[in-house]
Amino acid sequence: MPKPAVVRRALRRQVTPEPAEVVEGQIAEICRDLAVEAKRIRQLQDQADELRTAIRQWASQSELGSDPRPANRGGQR
């Protein structure tokens, strides 16, 4: 029959992960978090690019549609 101290050590080894395993797990979790954040940043960059394009199109259309001559008193150009 094994001594109680031997049994406790064996159980502790099975339950408690090694420090290197803990660190590896933390690193893996950080990598997953970074991947999620990088994906979100790419999505935000794409949305910003789409908005920039839409604003440029709107600005160029408003420049084409506006008459640079001032209106006279009657409201006609």
PDB file of N, CA and C in Angstrom:
ATOM      1  N   MET A   1       0.842  -1.180   0.000  1.00  0.00           N
ATOM      2  CA  MET A   1       0.000   0.000   0.000  1.00  0.00           C
ATOM      3  C   MET A   1       0.892   1.250   0.000  1.00  0.00           C
ATOM      4  N   PRO A   2       0.657   2.211  -0.939  1.00  0.00           N
ATOM      5  CA  PRO A   2       1.515   3.393  -1.002  1.00  0.00           C
ATOM      6  C   PRO A   2       1.301   4.297   0.209  1.00  0.00           C
ATOM      7  N   LYS A   3       2.339   4.990   0.539  1.00  0.00           N
ATOM      8  CA  LYS A   3       2.272   5.924   1.659  1.00  0.00           C
ATOM      9  C   LYS A   3       1.426   7.140   1.253  1.00  0.00           C
ATOM     10  N   PRO A   4       0.725   7.771   2.199  1.00  0.00           N
ATOM     11  CA  PRO A   4      -0.124   8.931   1.878  1.00  0.00           C
ATOM     12  C   PRO A   4       0.635  10.066   1.205  1.00  0.00           C
ATOM     13  N   ALA A   5       1.868  10.308   1.599  1.00  0.00           N
ATOM     14  CA  ALA A   5       2.647  11.392   0.986  1.00  0.00           C
ATOM     15  C   ALA A   5       2.903  11.109  -0.488  1.00  0.00           C
ATOM     16  N   VAL A   6       3.159   9.871  -0.819  1.00  0.00           N
ATOM     17  CA  VAL A   6       3.403   9.492  -2.210  1.00  0.00           C
ATOM     18  C   VAL A   6       2.132   9.693  -3.033  1.00  0.00           C
ATOM     19  N   VAL A   7       1.001   9.307  -2.456  1.00  0.00           N
ATOM     20  CA  VAL A   7      -0.286   9.471  -3.150  1.00  0.00           C
ATOM     21  C   VAL A   7      -0.572  10.948  -3.373  1.00  0.00           C
ATOM     22  N   ARG A   8      -0.329  11.771  -2.357  1.00  0.00           N
ATOM     23  CA  ARG A   8      -0.585  13.211  -2.490  1.00  0.00           C
ATOM     24  C   ARG A   8       0.286  13.823  -3.584  1.00  0.00           C
ATOM     25  N   ARG A   9       1.545  13.444  -3.628  1.00  0.00           N
ATOM     26  CA  ARG A   9       2.443  13.976  -4.671  1.00  0.00           C
ATOM     27  C   ARG A   9       1.967  13.557  -6.053  1.00  0.00           C
ATOM     28  N   ALA A  10       1.555  12.339  -6.191  1.00  0.00           N
ATOM     29  CA  ALA A  10       1.088  11.841  -7.490  1.00  0.00           C
ATOM     30  C   ALA A  10      -0.171  12.587  -7.921  1.00  0.00           C
ATOM     31  N   LEU A  11      -1.099  12.795  -6.991  1.00  0.00           N
ATOM     32  CA  LEU A  11      -2.327  13.532  -7.315  1.00  0.00           C
ATOM     33  C   LEU A  11      -2.026  14.988  -7.648  1.00  0.00           C
ATOM     34  N   ARG A  12      -1.111  15.594  -6.909  1.00  0.00           N
ATOM     35  CA  ARG A  12      -0.757  16.990  -7.146  1.00  0.00           C
ATOM     36  C   ARG A  12      -0.162  17.153  -8.542  1.00  0.00           C
ATOM     37  N   ARG A  13       0.647  16.196  -8.962  1.00  0.00           N
ATOM     38  CA  ARG A  13       1.237  16.256 -10.294  1.00  0.00           C
ATOM     39  C   ARG A  13       0.180  16.168 -11.371  1.00  0.00           C
ATOM     40  N   GLN A  14      -0.856  15.394 -11.147  1.00  0.00           N
ATOM     41  CA  GLN A  14      -1.913  15.235 -12.147  1.00  0.00           C
ATOM     42  C   GLN A  14      -2.804  16.466 -12.213  1.00  0.00           C
ATOM     43  N   VAL A  15      -3.062  17.108 -11.086  1.00  0.00           N
ATOM     44  CA  VAL A  15      -3.998  18.224 -11.029  1.00  0.00           C
ATOM     45  C   VAL A  15      -3.323  19.542 -11.359  1.00  0.00           C
ATOM     46  N   THR A  16      -2.148  19.770 -10.820  1.00  0.00           N
ATOM     47  CA  THR A  16      -1.457  21.040 -10.993  1.00  0.00           C
ATOM     48  C   THR A  16      -0.609  20.995 -12.257  1.00  0.00           C
ATOM     49  N   PRO A  17      -0.924  21.863 -13.220  1.00  0.00           N
ATOM     50  CA  PRO A  17      -0.097  21.882 -14.437  1.00  0.00           C
ATOM     51  C   PRO A  17       1.283  22.464 -14.139  1.00  0.00           C
ATOM     52  N   GLU A  18       2.207  22.075 -14.934  1.00  0.00           N
ATOM     53  CA  GLU A  18       3.561  22.598 -14.808  1.00  0.00           C
ATOM     54  C   GLU A  18       3.546  24.090 -15.164  1.00  0.00           C
ATOM     55  N   PRO A  19       4.447  24.875 -14.580  1.00  0.00           N
ATOM     56  CA  PRO A  19       4.487  26.307 -14.901  1.00  0.00           C
ATOM     57  C   PRO A  19       4.644  26.570 -16.403  1.00  0.00           C
ATOM     58  N   ALA A  20       5.414  25.749 -17.083  1.00  0.00           N
ATOM     59  CA  ALA A  20       5.593  25.941 -18.528  1.00  0.00           C
ATOM     60  C   ALA A  20       4.271  25.737 -19.263  1.00  0.00           C
ATOM     61  N   GLU A  21       3.464  24.781 -18.804  1.00  0.00           N
ATOM     62  CA  GLU A  21       2.156  24.552 -19.439  1.00  0.00           C
ATOM     63  C   GLU A  21       1.230  25.726 -19.200  1.00  0.00           C
ATOM     64  N   VAL A  22       1.305  26.308 -18.010  1.00  0.00           N
ATOM     65  CA  VAL A  22       0.480  27.479 -17.704  1.00  0.00           C
ATOM     66  C   VAL A  22       0.865  28.633 -18.614  1.00  0.00           C
ATOM     67  N   VAL A  23       2.157  28.868 -18.743  1.00  0.00           N
ATOM     68  CA  VAL A  23       2.646  29.961 -19.589  1.00  0.00           C
ATOM     69  C   VAL A  23       2.249  29.723 -21.045  1.00  0.00           C
ATOM     70  N   GLU A  24       2.417  28.499 -21.514  1.00  0.00           N
ATOM     71  CA  GLU A  24       2.029  28.180 -22.894  1.00  0.00           C
ATOM     72  C   GLU A  24       0.541  28.428 -23.111  1.00  0.00           C
ATOM     73  N   GLY A  25      -0.278  28.060 -22.136  1.00  0.00           N
ATOM     74  CA  GLY A  25      -1.714  28.300 -22.231  1.00  0.00           C
ATOM     75  C   GLY A  25      -2.034  29.781 -22.272  1.00  0.00           C
ATOM     76  N   GLN A  26      -1.343  30.565 -21.466  1.00  0.00           N
ATOM     77  CA  GLN A  26      -1.551  32.014 -21.459  1.00  0.00           C
ATOM     78  C   GLN A  26      -1.121  32.627 -22.786  1.00  0.00           C
ATOM     79  N   ILE A  27      -0.006  32.166 -23.314  1.00  0.00           N
ATOM     80  CA  ILE A  27       0.470  32.663 -24.605  1.00  0.00           C
ATOM     81  C   ILE A  27      -0.533  32.327 -25.706  1.00  0.00           C
ATOM     82  N   ALA A  28      -1.067  31.115 -25.684  1.00  0.00           N
ATOM     83  CA  ALA A  28      -2.055  30.708 -26.690  1.00  0.00           C
ATOM     84  C   ALA A  28      -3.310  31.572 -26.583  1.00  0.00           C
ATOM     85  N   GLU A  29      -3.725  31.873 -25.367  1.00  0.00           N
ATOM     86  CA  GLU A  29      -4.910  32.719 -25.174  1.00  0.00           C
ATOM     87  C   GLU A  29      -4.658  34.135 -25.683  1.00  0.00           C
ATOM     88  N   ILE A  30      -3.481  34.672 -25.409  1.00  0.00           N
ATOM     89  CA  ILE A  30      -3.119  36.010 -25.889  1.00  0.00           C
ATOM     90  C   ILE A  30      -3.093  36.022 -27.416  1.00  0.00           C
ATOM     91  N   CYS A  31      -2.554  34.972 -28.022  1.00  0.00           N
ATOM     92  CA  CYS A  31      -2.515  34.890 -29.486  1.00  0.00           C
ATOM     93  C   CYS A  31      -3.918  34.872 -30.078  1.00  0.00           C
ATOM     94  N   ARG A  32      -4.824  34.131 -29.459  1.00  0.00           N
ATOM     95  CA  ARG A  32      -6.214  34.108 -29.927  1.00  0.00           C
ATOM     96  C   ARG A  32      -6.844  35.493 -29.802  1.00  0.00           C
ATOM     97  N   ASP A  33      -6.610  36.153 -28.657  1.00  0.00           N
ATOM     98  CA  ASP A  33      -7.155  37.497 -28.458  1.00  0.00           C
ATOM     99  C   ASP A  33      -6.607  38.469 -29.495  1.00  0.00           C
ATOM    100  N   LEU A  34      -5.309  38.375 -29.758  1.00  0.00           N
ATOM    101  CA  LEU A  34      -4.696  39.260 -30.756  1.00  0.00           C
ATOM    102  C   LEU A  34      -5.267  39.004 -32.157  1.00  0.00           C
ATOM    103  N   ALA A  35      -5.518  37.757 -32.481  1.00  0.00           N
ATOM    104  CA  ALA A  35      -6.097  37.432 -33.786  1.00  0.00           C
ATOM    105  C   ALA A  35      -7.487  38.033 -33.918  1.00  0.00           C
ATOM    106  N   VAL A  36      -8.270  37.962 -32.850  1.00  0.00           N
ATOM    107  CA  VAL A  36      -9.613  38.550 -32.873  1.00  0.00           C
ATOM    108  C   VAL A  36      -9.521  40.064 -33.045  1.00  0.00           C
ATOM    109  N   GLU A  37      -8.623  40.699 -32.299  1.00  0.00           N
ATOM    110  CA  GLU A  37      -8.468  42.155 -32.391  1.00  0.00           C
ATOM    111  C   GLU A  37      -7.955  42.572 -33.772  1.00  0.00           C
ATOM    112  N   ALA A  38      -7.021  41.815 -34.330  1.00  0.00           N
ATOM    113  CA  ALA A  38      -6.505  42.132 -35.667  1.00  0.00           C
ATOM    114  C   ALA A  38      -7.614  42.045 -36.703  1.00  0.00           C
ATOM    115  N   LYS A  39      -8.472  41.041 -36.575  1.00  0.00           N
ATOM    116  CA  LYS A  39      -9.598  40.908 -37.494  1.00  0.00           C
ATOM    117  C   LYS A  39     -10.526  42.116 -37.368  1.00  0.00           C
ATOM    118  N   ARG A  40     -10.786  42.536 -36.143  1.00  0.00           N
ATOM    119  CA  ARG A  40     -11.668  43.688 -35.914  1.00  0.00           C
ATOM    120  C   ARG A  40     -11.043  44.963 -36.487  1.00  0.00           C
ATOM    121  N   ILE A  41      -9.744  45.120 -36.330  1.00  0.00           N
ATOM    122  CA  ILE A  41      -9.057  46.296 -36.881  1.00  0.00           C
ATOM    123  C   ILE A  41      -9.166  46.302 -38.402  1.00  0.00           C
ATOM    124  N   ARG A  42      -9.001  45.129 -39.029  1.00  0.00           N
ATOM    125  CA  ARG A  42      -9.146  45.057 -40.497  1.00  0.00           C
ATOM    126  C   ARG A  42     -10.557  45.446 -40.919  1.00  0.00           C
ATOM    127  N   GLN A  43     -11.565  44.984 -40.165  1.00  0.00           N
ATOM    128  CA  GLN A  43     -12.944  45.346 -40.476  1.00  0.00           C
ATOM    129  C   GLN A  43     -13.145  46.853 -40.357  1.00  0.00           C
ATOM    130  N   LEU A  44     -12.600  47.447 -39.310  1.00  0.00           N
ATOM    131  CA  LEU A  44     -12.730  48.897 -39.128  1.00  0.00           C
ATOM    132  C   LEU A  44     -12.004  49.663 -40.230  1.00  0.00           C
ATOM    133  N   GLN A  45     -10.841  49.168 -40.645  1.00  0.00           N
ATOM    134  CA  GLN A  45     -10.113  49.814 -41.734  1.00  0.00           C
ATOM    135  C   GLN A  45     -10.911  49.735 -43.036  1.00  0.00           C
ATOM    136  N   ASP A  46     -11.531  48.593 -43.290  1.00  0.00           N
ATOM    137  CA  ASP A  46     -12.361  48.445 -44.487  1.00  0.00           C
ATOM    138  C   ASP A  46     -13.541  49.406 -44.446  1.00  0.00           C
ATOM    139  N   GLN A  47     -14.174  49.522 -43.286  1.00  0.00           N
ATOM    140  CA  GLN A  47     -15.305  50.443 -43.155  1.00  0.00           C
ATOM    141  C   GLN A  47     -14.848  51.886 -43.354  1.00  0.00           C
ATOM    142  N   ALA A  48     -13.691  52.239 -42.819  1.00  0.00           N
ATOM    143  CA  ALA A  48     -13.160  53.590 -42.990  1.00  0.00           C
ATOM    144  C   ALA A  48     -12.865  53.860 -44.467  1.00  0.00           C
ATOM    145  N   ASP A  49     -12.312  52.879 -45.165  1.00  0.00           N
ATOM    146  CA  ASP A  49     -12.038  53.036 -46.596  1.00  0.00           C
ATOM    147  C   ASP A  49     -13.335  53.242 -47.385  1.00  0.00           C
ATOM    148  N   GLU A  50     -14.366  52.460 -47.049  1.00  0.00           N
ATOM    149  CA  GLU A  50     -15.655  52.614 -47.730  1.00  0.00           C
ATOM    150  C   GLU A  50     -16.239  53.993 -47.469  1.00  0.00           C
ATOM    151  N   LEU A  51     -16.143  54.463 -46.250  1.00  0.00           N
ATOM    152  CA  LEU A  51     -16.664  55.778 -45.901  1.00  0.00           C
ATOM    153  C   LEU A  51     -15.884  56.874 -46.621  1.00  0.00           C
ATOM    154  N   ARG A  52     -14.557  56.724 -46.668  1.00  0.00           N
ATOM    155  CA  ARG A  52     -13.718  57.695 -47.374  1.00  0.00           C
ATOM    156  C   ARG A  52     -14.123  57.771 -48.844  1.00  0.00           C
ATOM    157  N   THR A  53     -14.338  56.610 -49.463  1.00  0.00           N
ATOM    158  CA  THR A  53     -14.745  56.565 -50.869  1.00  0.00           C
ATOM    159  C   THR A  53     -16.097  57.236 -51.061  1.00  0.00           C
ATOM    160  N   ALA A  54     -17.037  56.939 -50.184  1.00  0.00           N
ATOM    161  CA  ALA A  54     -18.373  57.533 -50.291  1.00  0.00           C
ATOM    162  C   ALA A  54     -18.315  59.054 -50.128  1.00  0.00           C
ATOM    163  N   ILE A  55     -17.497  59.530 -49.202  1.00  0.00           N
ATOM    164  CA  ILE A  55     -17.373  60.986 -48.992  1.00  0.00           C
ATOM    165  C   ILE A  55     -16.736  61.645 -50.209  1.00  0.00           C
ATOM    166  N   ARG A  56     -15.721  61.008 -50.768  1.00  0.00           N
ATOM    167  CA  ARG A  56     -15.082  61.576 -51.976  1.00  0.00           C
ATOM    168  C   ARG A  56     -16.077  61.648 -53.130  1.00  0.00           C
ATOM    169  N   GLN A  57     -16.871  60.579 -53.308  1.00  0.00           N
ATOM    170  CA  GLN A  57     -17.877  60.591 -54.372  1.00  0.00           C
ATOM    171  C   GLN A  57     -18.903  61.678 -54.130  1.00  0.00           C
ATOM    172  N   TRP A  58     -19.362  61.793 -52.905  1.00  0.00           N
ATOM    173  CA  TRP A  58     -20.346  62.821 -52.570  1.00  0.00           C
ATOM    174  C   TRP A  58     -19.770  64.215 -52.804  1.00  0.00           C
ATOM    175  N   ALA A  59     -18.514  64.420 -52.384  1.00  0.00           N
ATOM    176  CA  ALA A  59     -17.875  65.727 -52.551  1.00  0.00           C
ATOM    177  C   ALA A  59     -17.700  66.061 -54.023  1.00  0.00           C
ATOM    178  N   SER A  60     -17.311  65.087 -54.828  1.00  0.00           N
ATOM    179  CA  SER A  60     -17.117  65.372 -56.252  1.00  0.00           C
ATOM    180  C   SER A  60     -18.450  65.631 -56.945  1.00  0.00           C
ATOM    181  N   GLN A  61     -19.520  64.954 -56.534  1.00  0.00           N
ATOM    182  CA  GLN A  61     -20.840  65.202 -57.107  1.00  0.00           C
ATOM    183  C   GLN A  61     -21.351  66.578 -56.711  1.00  0.00           C
ATOM    184  N   SER A  62     -21.122  66.980 -55.479  1.00  0.00           N
ATOM    185  CA  SER A  62     -21.606  68.288 -55.048  1.00  0.00           C
ATOM    186  C   SER A  62     -20.811  69.401 -55.725  1.00  0.00           C
ATOM    187  N   GLU A  63     -19.522  69.160 -56.019  1.00  0.00           N
ATOM    188  CA  GLU A  63     -18.733  70.150 -56.733  1.00  0.00           C
ATOM    189  C   GLU A  63     -19.221  70.276 -58.176  1.00  0.00           C
ATOM    190  N   LEU A  64     -19.578  69.171 -58.796  1.00  0.00           N
ATOM    191  CA  LEU A  64     -20.068  69.203 -60.175  1.00  0.00           C
ATOM    192  C   LEU A  64     -21.436  69.856 -60.258  1.00  0.00           C
ATOM    193  N   GLY A  65     -22.258  69.640 -59.268  1.00  0.00           N
ATOM    194  CA  GLY A  65     -23.617  70.159 -59.295  1.00  0.00           C
ATOM    195  C   GLY A  65     -23.727  71.597 -58.853  1.00  0.00           C
ATOM    196  N   SER A  66     -22.715  72.138 -58.214  1.00  0.00           N
ATOM    197  CA  SER A  66     -22.812  73.523 -57.747  1.00  0.00           C
ATOM    198  C   SER A  66     -22.321  74.471 -58.820  1.00  0.00           C
ATOM    199  N   ASP A  67     -22.975  75.631 -58.864  1.00  0.00           N
ATOM    200  CA  ASP A  67     -22.611  76.674 -59.824  1.00  0.00           C
ATOM    201  C   ASP A  67     -21.756  77.689 -59.083  1.00  0.00           C
ATOM    202  N   PRO A  68     -20.529  77.910 -59.519  1.00  0.00           N
ATOM    203  CA  PRO A  68     -19.653  78.827 -58.785  1.00  0.00           C
ATOM    204  C   PRO A  68     -20.103  80.284 -58.871  1.00  0.00           C
ATOM    205  N   ARG A  69     -21.025  80.621 -59.810  1.00  0.00           N
ATOM    206  CA  ARG A  69     -21.483  82.016 -59.931  1.00  0.00           C
ATOM    207  C   ARG A  69     -22.479  82.317 -58.810  1.00  0.00           C
ATOM    208  N   PRO A  70     -22.370  83.470 -58.207  1.00  0.00           N
ATOM    209  CA  PRO A  70     -23.316  83.818 -57.150  1.00  0.00           C
ATOM    210  C   PRO A  70     -24.718  84.056 -57.732  1.00  0.00           C
ATOM    211  N   ALA A  71     -25.729  83.807 -56.927  1.00  0.00           N
ATOM    212  CA  ALA A  71     -27.105  84.044 -57.360  1.00  0.00           C
ATOM    213  C   ALA A  71     -27.378  85.529 -57.295  1.00  0.00           C
ATOM    214  N   ASN A  72     -28.255  86.022 -58.237  1.00  0.00           N
ATOM    215  CA  ASN A  72     -28.617  87.441 -58.185  1.00  0.00           C
ATOM    216  C   ASN A  72     -29.758  87.624 -57.196  1.00  0.00           C
ATOM    217  N   ARG A  73     -30.260  88.843 -57.087  1.00  0.00           N
ATOM    218  CA  ARG A  73     -31.277  89.144 -56.082  1.00  0.00           C
ATOM    219  C   ARG A  73     -32.552  88.351 -56.294  1.00  0.00           C
ATOM    220  N   GLY A  74     -32.848  87.986 -57.477  1.00  0.00           N
ATOM    221  CA  GLY A  74     -34.084  87.260 -57.768  1.00  0.00           C
ATOM    222  C   GLY A  74     -33.949  85.768 -57.504  1.00  0.00           C
ATOM    223  N   GLY A  75     -32.789  85.331 -57.107  1.00  0.00           N
ATOM    224  CA  GLY A  75     -32.581  83.939 -56.836  1.00  0.00           C
ATOM    225  C   GLY A  75     -32.186  83.150 -58.069  1.00  0.00           C
ATOM    226  N   GLN A  76     -32.017  83.866 -59.202  1.00  0.00           N
ATOM    227  CA  GLN A  76     -31.625  83.181 -60.431  1.00  0.00           C
ATOM    228  C   GLN A  76     -30.151  83.400 -60.665  1.00  0.00           C
ATOM    229  N   ARG A  77     -29.595  82.514 -61.377  1.00  0.00           N
ATOM    230  CA  ARG A  77     -28.160  82.603 -61.685  1.00  0.00           C
ATOM    231  C   ARG A  77     -27.975  83.112 -63.071  1.00  0.00           C
TER     232      ARG A  77
END
